[in-house]
Amino acid sequence: MSCNIVEAINVQVIGSGNNYVMIGHGLGTDQSIWQRILPFFNNGTTYRVILYDLACAGTVKQELFNFNKYASISGYADDVLDILFALGVHSCAFVGHSASVMTAILATIHLPDLFSKLILLGASPRLVNDVDYDGGVLEKAQVGRMFAAMEADYVAWVGCSAAVAVRRDLPEAVQEYRQTMLNTRLEIASYALRTFVKNYLRGLLCDVRVPCHIIQTARDSEVPLSAAGYLWRHLGGQTTFEILRTEGHLPHLTAPTLLGPAIQRALLR
């Protein structure tokens, strides 16, 4: 990754308020996924919103992707910290979706004083189920089959994944998500997904000491309610939990009028 982190991963700061909020997206999307949520930040007069793209996003120059750095979630967490250092931010709330929740948890453990609160959306500390854990997206036996299907026909796999993650009765939203997924080259998309599948944070949750608020849709085909429950029970700081009365893995795309106020409430807690 370029030494100029702000330019390399398309960092934007929107608004003129005194309170910083950093927003991180999940795999298969980019910062544009938040466009329907931005109006809920008081039209930019209360908050300064920091947007960025994960290094694996299709909007980032893919020749900058450092396969060694991003072999672990720590590489993505370092980007979060480097952005805050580059911008001179001393404290912010972090709103993370899916994979970005995992990066934020690590960043918070490394430098807790930089974060006032974590708001965790559609989050799981481990993507694969285990004998004593059922908060994952996949069973162990499914992992190899998923990557085989992805690499055999990426376009078909993306189409199926988008339809499952997004409400099927919203074809425009499915198409938008499908397109952001296809913007990422297969090699990088597969590598990034493997990183988040093989790395997990269950044993580190107790080290999170900042307040956390979990937001989970009532029915999410990608992350079950049990994952949110696991986070709620094991995060080390004061943690609250809200179920959003909608379905799907991307409520910022499909239900912004529900999610936006939920994030506002969480920031004010």
Protein backbone atom coordinates (compact mmCIF):
# COMPACT_ATOMS: atom_id res chain seq x y z
CA MET A 1 0.00 0.00 0.00
CA SER A 2 1.17 3.51 -0.79
CA CYS A 3 2.74 5.45 2.04
CA ASN A 4 0.06 8.12 1.47
CA ILE A 5 -2.77 6.21 3.07
CA VAL A 6 -5.30 9.02 2.60
CA GLU A 7 -4.93 8.96 -1.17
CA ALA A 8 -4.34 5.22 -1.52
CA ILE A 9 -7.65 4.11 -0.01
CA ASN A 10 -9.74 7.14 -0.99
CA VAL A 11 -10.22 8.75 2.42
CA GLN A 12 -12.87 11.46 2.57
CA VAL A 13 -13.90 13.71 5.46
CA ILE A 14 -17.46 15.04 5.21
CA GLY A 15 -19.00 17.64 7.51
CA SER A 16 -17.73 20.33 9.85
CA GLY A 17 -18.82 19.16 13.30
CA ASN A 18 -16.57 18.69 16.30
CA ASN A 19 -17.25 14.96 16.68
CA TYR A 20 -15.53 12.46 14.41
CA VAL A 21 -17.24 9.30 13.19
CA MET A 22 -15.29 6.80 11.09
CA ILE A 23 -17.30 4.44 8.88
CA GLY A 24 -16.01 1.15 7.50
CA HIS A 25 -17.73 -1.05 4.91
CA GLY A 26 -17.77 -4.83 4.47
CA LEU A 27 -16.23 -7.08 1.84
CA GLY A 28 -17.71 -6.78 -1.63
CA THR A 29 -18.65 -3.13 -1.21
CA ASP A 30 -16.94 0.24 -0.99
CA GLN A 31 -17.65 3.50 0.82
CA SER A 32 -20.49 4.33 -1.59
CA ILE A 33 -22.63 1.80 0.30
CA TRP A 34 -23.05 4.47 3.02
CA GLN A 35 -24.46 7.21 0.78
CA ARG A 36 -28.04 6.70 2.04
CA ILE A 37 -26.90 6.93 5.68
CA LEU A 38 -24.85 10.15 5.43
CA PRO A 39 -27.91 12.48 5.62
CA PHE A 40 -28.58 11.16 9.14
CA PHE A 41 -25.39 12.77 10.45
CA ASN A 42 -27.17 16.10 11.02
CA ASN A 43 -26.27 17.48 7.61
CA GLY A 44 -22.61 17.71 8.56
CA THR A 45 -23.01 20.24 11.37
CA THR A 46 -22.54 17.89 14.33
CA TYR A 47 -20.20 15.23 12.97
CA ARG A 48 -17.20 14.94 10.71
CA VAL A 49 -17.60 11.62 8.96
CA ILE A 50 -14.46 9.79 7.82
CA LEU A 51 -15.08 7.48 4.88
CA TYR A 52 -12.51 5.15 3.33
CA ASP A 53 -12.28 2.01 1.21
CA LEU A 54 -10.89 -1.29 2.39
CA ALA A 55 -7.66 -2.02 0.55
CA CYS A 56 -9.36 -4.94 -1.22
CA ALA A 57 -12.23 -2.82 -2.59
CA GLY A 58 -12.60 -2.45 -6.34
CA THR A 59 -12.32 1.34 -6.03
CA VAL A 60 -8.71 1.06 -4.79
CA LYS A 61 -5.93 0.72 -7.35
CA GLN A 62 -5.42 -2.99 -7.26
CA GLU A 63 -1.71 -2.80 -8.02
CA LEU A 64 -1.36 -1.27 -4.52
CA PHE A 65 -2.77 -4.35 -2.78
CA ASN A 66 -0.06 -5.80 -0.53
CA PHE A 67 -0.68 -9.54 -0.27
CA ASN A 68 1.73 -9.91 2.65
CA LYS A 69 0.23 -7.08 4.68
CA TYR A 70 -3.36 -8.19 4.14
CA ALA A 71 -2.75 -11.85 4.90
CA SER A 72 -4.14 -11.02 8.36
CA ILE A 73 -6.87 -8.75 9.65
CA SER A 74 -4.17 -6.72 11.40
CA GLY A 75 -3.17 -5.22 8.05
CA TYR A 76 -6.63 -3.70 7.67
CA ALA A 77 -6.66 -2.60 11.32
CA ASP A 78 -3.34 -0.80 10.78
CA ASP A 79 -4.97 1.14 7.94
CA VAL A 80 -7.66 2.40 10.32
CA LEU A 81 -5.05 3.64 12.77
CA ASP A 82 -2.88 5.15 10.02
CA ILE A 83 -5.86 7.12 8.67
CA LEU A 84 -6.57 8.59 12.11
CA PHE A 85 -2.90 9.48 12.59
CA ALA A 86 -2.72 11.09 9.14
CA LEU A 87 -5.81 13.19 9.82
CA GLY A 88 -4.70 14.17 13.32
CA VAL A 89 -7.80 12.65 14.92
CA HIS A 90 -7.44 11.95 18.64
CA SER A 91 -10.85 10.42 19.30
CA CYS A 92 -13.68 9.07 17.16
CA ALA A 93 -16.64 6.74 17.15
CA PHE A 94 -16.40 3.90 14.67
CA VAL A 95 -19.34 2.49 12.72
CA GLY A 96 -18.35 -0.79 11.09
CA HIS A 97 -20.17 -3.27 8.91
CA SER A 98 -19.28 -6.96 8.72
CA ALA A 99 -15.53 -7.32 7.99
CA SER A 100 -14.80 -3.77 9.13
CA VAL A 101 -16.12 -4.68 12.58
CA MET A 102 -13.28 -7.17 12.89
CA THR A 103 -10.73 -4.55 11.85
CA ALA A 104 -12.18 -2.01 14.29
CA ILE A 105 -12.05 -4.47 17.17
CA LEU A 106 -8.34 -5.05 16.57
CA ALA A 107 -7.64 -1.34 16.14
CA THR A 108 -9.47 -0.59 19.39
CA ILE A 109 -7.49 -3.21 21.28
CA HIS A 110 -4.22 -1.76 19.96
CA LEU A 111 -5.07 1.88 20.77
CA PRO A 112 -8.25 2.14 22.85
CA ASP A 113 -7.84 5.85 23.60
CA LEU A 114 -8.49 6.67 19.92
CA PHE A 115 -12.04 5.31 20.05
CA SER A 116 -15.00 6.62 22.03
CA LYS A 117 -17.46 3.95 20.87
CA LEU A 118 -17.88 1.06 18.43
CA ILE A 119 -21.15 0.56 16.56
CA LEU A 120 -21.14 -2.96 15.13
CA LEU A 121 -23.44 -3.82 12.24
CA GLY A 122 -23.89 -7.35 10.86
CA ALA A 123 -20.84 -8.54 12.75
CA SER A 124 -19.34 -11.92 13.56
CA PRO A 125 -16.05 -12.60 15.40
CA ARG A 126 -15.62 -15.84 13.43
CA LEU A 127 -17.06 -16.68 10.02
CA VAL A 128 -16.88 -20.47 10.37
CA ASN A 129 -18.84 -22.48 12.94
CA ASP A 130 -16.99 -24.65 15.43
CA VAL A 131 -17.88 -27.26 18.03
CA ASP A 132 -18.59 -24.59 20.66
CA TYR A 133 -19.60 -21.73 18.38
CA ASP A 134 -22.55 -21.27 16.03
CA GLY A 135 -22.22 -17.61 15.06
CA GLY A 136 -20.55 -18.20 11.71
CA VAL A 137 -21.72 -17.96 8.13
CA LEU A 138 -20.31 -21.36 7.13
CA GLU A 139 -19.74 -24.84 8.40
CA LYS A 140 -16.15 -26.07 8.05
CA ALA A 141 -17.16 -28.50 5.30
CA GLN A 142 -18.58 -25.64 3.22
CA VAL A 143 -15.46 -23.49 3.08
CA GLY A 144 -13.64 -25.40 0.35
CA ARG A 145 -16.78 -25.70 -1.77
CA MET A 146 -17.41 -21.96 -1.50
CA PHE A 147 -13.96 -21.04 -2.80
CA ALA A 148 -14.14 -23.68 -5.54
CA ALA A 149 -17.43 -22.20 -6.77
CA MET A 150 -16.05 -18.67 -6.53
CA GLU A 151 -12.99 -19.49 -8.60
CA ALA A 152 -14.83 -21.68 -11.13
CA ASP A 153 -17.33 -18.98 -12.17
CA TYR A 154 -16.85 -15.69 -10.37
CA VAL A 155 -19.71 -13.88 -12.13
CA ALA A 156 -22.22 -16.59 -11.27
CA TRP A 157 -20.96 -16.80 -7.69
CA VAL A 158 -21.28 -13.04 -7.26
CA GLY A 159 -24.81 -13.07 -8.64
CA CYS A 160 -25.87 -15.80 -6.23
CA SER A 161 -24.13 -14.19 -3.25
CA ALA A 162 -25.70 -10.79 -3.91
CA ALA A 163 -29.18 -12.27 -4.17
CA VAL A 164 -28.74 -14.11 -0.86
CA ALA A 165 -27.24 -11.17 1.06
CA VAL A 166 -29.78 -8.60 -0.15
CA ARG A 167 -33.55 -8.89 0.01
CA ARG A 168 -34.66 -10.60 -3.20
CA ASP A 169 -37.67 -8.29 -3.51
CA LEU A 170 -35.29 -5.36 -4.09
CA PRO A 171 -33.71 -6.13 -7.48
CA GLU A 172 -32.09 -2.69 -7.84
CA ALA A 173 -30.31 -3.15 -4.51
CA VAL A 174 -29.20 -6.64 -5.53
CA GLN A 175 -27.78 -5.22 -8.76
CA GLU A 176 -25.95 -2.42 -6.95
CA TYR A 177 -24.31 -4.85 -4.56
CA ARG A 178 -23.51 -7.24 -7.41
CA GLN A 179 -21.74 -4.48 -9.32
CA THR A 180 -19.52 -3.41 -6.41
CA MET A 181 -18.55 -7.05 -5.91
CA LEU A 182 -17.65 -7.43 -9.58
CA ASN A 183 -15.52 -4.27 -9.42
CA THR A 184 -12.97 -6.29 -7.45
CA ARG A 185 -10.65 -8.63 -9.34
CA LEU A 186 -11.23 -12.30 -8.46
CA GLU A 187 -7.67 -12.78 -7.21
CA ILE A 188 -8.03 -10.02 -4.62
CA ALA A 189 -11.64 -10.81 -3.70
CA SER A 190 -10.76 -14.45 -3.04
CA TYR A 191 -7.62 -13.56 -1.08
CA ALA A 192 -9.44 -11.04 1.11
CA LEU A 193 -12.27 -13.43 1.85
CA ARG A 194 -9.79 -16.18 2.75
CA THR A 195 -8.09 -13.79 5.18
CA PHE A 196 -11.32 -13.08 7.03
CA VAL A 197 -12.37 -16.73 6.99
CA LYS A 198 -9.12 -18.04 8.45
CA ASN A 199 -8.62 -15.25 11.01
CA TYR A 200 -10.95 -14.87 13.95
CA LEU A 201 -11.23 -12.75 17.09
CA ARG A 202 -13.20 -14.80 19.61
CA GLY A 203 -10.34 -14.92 22.10
CA LEU A 204 -9.72 -11.18 21.90
CA LEU A 205 -13.22 -9.84 22.51
CA CYS A 206 -12.66 -9.53 26.26
CA ASP A 207 -9.83 -7.06 25.55
CA VAL A 208 -12.25 -4.51 24.02
CA ARG A 209 -12.86 -1.91 26.73
CA VAL A 210 -14.67 0.86 24.87
CA PRO A 211 -18.51 1.01 24.83
CA CYS A 212 -20.04 -1.04 22.01
CA HIS A 213 -23.50 -1.03 20.44
CA ILE A 214 -24.48 -4.01 18.29
CA ILE A 215 -27.05 -3.57 15.51
CA GLN A 216 -28.35 -6.71 13.83
CA THR A 217 -31.21 -7.23 11.39
CA ALA A 218 -33.93 -9.63 12.49
CA ARG A 219 -33.01 -12.01 9.67
CA ASP A 220 -29.56 -11.92 8.11
CA SER A 221 -28.60 -14.80 5.83
CA GLU A 222 -24.92 -13.91 6.15
CA VAL A 223 -24.64 -13.42 9.91
CA PRO A 224 -27.06 -15.14 12.30
CA LEU A 225 -28.47 -13.52 15.43
CA SER A 226 -26.35 -15.94 17.44
CA ALA A 227 -23.23 -14.05 16.29
CA ALA A 228 -24.57 -10.79 17.69
CA GLY A 229 -25.48 -12.59 20.89
CA TYR A 230 -21.97 -14.00 21.15
CA LEU A 231 -20.48 -10.52 20.77
CA TRP A 232 -22.86 -9.11 23.37
CA ARG A 233 -21.86 -11.77 25.90
CA HIS A 234 -18.10 -11.65 25.30
CA LEU A 235 -17.09 -8.07 24.51
CA GLY A 236 -15.20 -6.65 27.47
CA GLY A 237 -16.68 -3.16 27.54
CA GLN A 238 -20.19 -1.93 28.22
CA THR A 239 -22.26 -3.40 25.37
CA THR A 240 -25.81 -2.82 24.18
CA PHE A 241 -27.72 -4.75 21.53
CA GLU A 242 -30.48 -3.68 19.12
CA ILE A 243 -32.40 -5.80 16.63
CA LEU A 244 -33.41 -3.90 13.50
CA ARG A 245 -36.86 -4.94 12.31
CA THR A 246 -35.86 -5.72 8.76
CA GLU A 247 -33.98 -8.45 6.93
CA GLY A 248 -30.80 -8.78 4.90
CA HIS A 249 -27.10 -8.22 5.46
CA LEU A 250 -26.97 -4.68 4.10
CA PRO A 251 -29.60 -2.50 5.80
CA HIS A 252 -27.58 0.61 4.89
CA LEU A 253 -28.51 -0.30 1.29
CA THR A 254 -32.00 -1.73 1.79
CA ALA A 255 -33.38 -0.07 4.94
CA PRO A 256 -31.56 3.25 5.49
CA THR A 257 -34.59 4.90 7.13
CA LEU A 258 -34.40 2.27 9.87
CA LEU A 259 -30.64 2.04 10.17
CA GLY A 260 -29.90 5.78 10.07
CA PRO A 261 -31.93 6.60 13.21
CA ALA A 262 -30.53 3.50 14.94
CA ILE A 263 -26.98 4.78 14.39
CA GLN A 264 -28.03 8.24 15.60
CA ARG A 265 -29.41 6.74 18.82
CA ALA A 266 -26.29 4.67 19.32
CA LEU A 267 -24.02 7.70 18.95
CA LEU A 268 -26.02 9.60 21.58
CA ARG A 269 -26.01 6.79 24.16
